[in-house]
Amino acid sequence: MNNRIITHGGITLDLESVKCFKVQTMVESGKSNILTIELKNCKSEYIFNPNTKSYELHGSTDSIEVSYTSYESACQYRDEWSKIWEDYLQNK
């Protein structure tokens, strides 16, 4: 069975929308041991820049951030999610 919508470790994802999984430790910003799940659903919009007096295209990538108690835990969940995603992509 190859489910597209999966719940694992308290997170529910549409595997079709996943771009990547990564672990970040940003101590200087007060965040640490963060699993970031970037999603493909990019939003683009034109925003007026008053300095250039023109509209500029800006895009953003949606993402989910989950904080863990340790770097090792964040890496473990990243690896588990990566395996689930890889299996989905190979069998879809």
Protein backbone atom coordinates (compact mmCIF):
# COMPACT_ATOMS: atom_id res chain seq x y z
CA MET A 1 0.00 0.00 0.00
CA ASN A 2 1.40 3.38 -1.01
CA ASN A 3 -0.27 6.16 0.94
CA ARG A 4 0.27 9.74 -0.10
CA ILE A 5 -0.92 11.26 3.21
CA ILE A 6 1.16 9.96 6.13
CA THR A 7 1.24 10.68 9.86
CA HIS A 8 4.52 9.91 11.58
CA GLY A 9 5.98 11.28 14.80
CA GLY A 10 2.99 13.58 15.31
CA ILE A 11 3.33 15.22 11.87
CA THR A 12 0.94 14.64 8.97
CA LEU A 13 2.26 15.29 5.47
CA ASP A 14 1.15 15.01 1.87
CA LEU A 15 4.26 13.29 0.52
CA GLU A 16 3.59 14.67 -2.95
CA SER A 17 4.20 18.21 -1.66
CA VAL A 18 7.55 17.52 0.08
CA LYS A 19 10.61 19.28 -1.32
CA CYS A 20 13.20 18.26 1.31
CA PHE A 21 13.92 17.43 4.95
CA LYS A 22 16.77 19.07 6.85
CA VAL A 23 17.98 19.54 10.40
CA GLN A 24 19.16 22.93 11.56
CA THR A 25 20.73 24.17 14.75
CA MET A 26 20.59 27.94 14.84
CA VAL A 27 21.79 28.77 18.34
CA GLU A 28 22.34 32.44 17.50
CA SER A 29 18.63 32.88 16.69
CA GLY A 30 17.47 31.05 19.79
CA LYS A 31 16.34 27.99 17.84
CA SER A 32 18.02 24.64 18.12
CA ASN A 33 17.48 21.07 16.99
CA ILE A 34 14.92 22.01 14.33
CA LEU A 35 13.62 19.59 11.71
CA THR A 36 12.57 21.70 8.73
CA ILE A 37 10.29 20.18 6.11
CA GLU A 38 10.24 22.33 2.98
CA LEU A 39 7.19 22.00 0.75
CA LYS A 40 6.93 22.49 -3.02
CA ASN A 41 3.90 24.75 -2.76
CA CYS A 42 5.57 28.01 -3.65
CA LYS A 43 3.64 31.22 -3.58
CA SER A 44 4.65 33.98 -5.93
CA GLU A 45 3.36 37.49 -5.92
CA TYR A 46 4.30 40.87 -7.31
CA ILE A 47 5.17 43.43 -4.65
CA PHE A 48 5.66 47.12 -5.33
CA ASN A 49 9.14 48.33 -4.41
CA PRO A 50 8.98 52.07 -3.65
CA ASN A 51 12.76 52.43 -4.05
CA THR A 52 12.73 51.24 -7.65
CA LYS A 53 9.14 52.33 -8.33
CA SER A 54 8.43 48.99 -9.95
CA TYR A 55 6.75 45.71 -9.18
CA GLU A 56 9.06 42.80 -8.36
CA LEU A 57 8.29 39.10 -8.29
CA HIS A 58 8.77 37.56 -4.85
CA GLY A 59 8.35 33.91 -4.04
CA SER A 60 8.29 31.97 -0.82
CA THR A 61 8.52 28.31 0.01
CA ASP A 62 6.19 26.98 2.63
CA SER A 63 7.85 24.98 5.37
CA ILE A 64 7.11 23.23 8.63
CA GLU A 65 9.50 23.50 11.57
CA VAL A 66 9.49 21.03 14.46
CA SER A 67 11.71 21.46 17.51
CA TYR A 68 13.24 18.42 19.22
CA THR A 69 14.98 18.05 22.58
CA SER A 70 18.24 16.93 20.98
CA TYR A 71 20.08 17.11 17.68
CA GLU A 72 20.13 13.30 17.55
CA SER A 73 16.32 13.12 17.85
CA ALA A 74 15.88 15.67 15.05
CA CYS A 75 18.26 13.68 12.83
CA GLN A 76 16.47 10.42 13.64
CA TYR A 77 13.10 11.84 12.58
CA ARG A 78 14.65 13.40 9.47
CA ASP A 79 16.07 10.01 8.49
CA GLU A 80 12.78 8.22 9.16
CA TRP A 81 10.81 10.77 7.14
CA SER A 82 13.37 10.61 4.32
CA LYS A 83 12.97 6.83 4.14
CA ILE A 84 9.15 7.10 4.09
CA TRP A 85 9.34 9.76 1.34
CA GLU A 86 11.87 7.77 -0.69
CA ASP A 87 9.66 4.65 -0.52
CA TYR A 88 6.66 6.70 -1.63
CA LEU A 89 8.53 8.21 -4.61
CA GLN A 90 9.82 4.82 -5.75
CA ASN A 91 6.39 3.17 -5.57
CA LYS A 92 3.99 5.85 -6.75
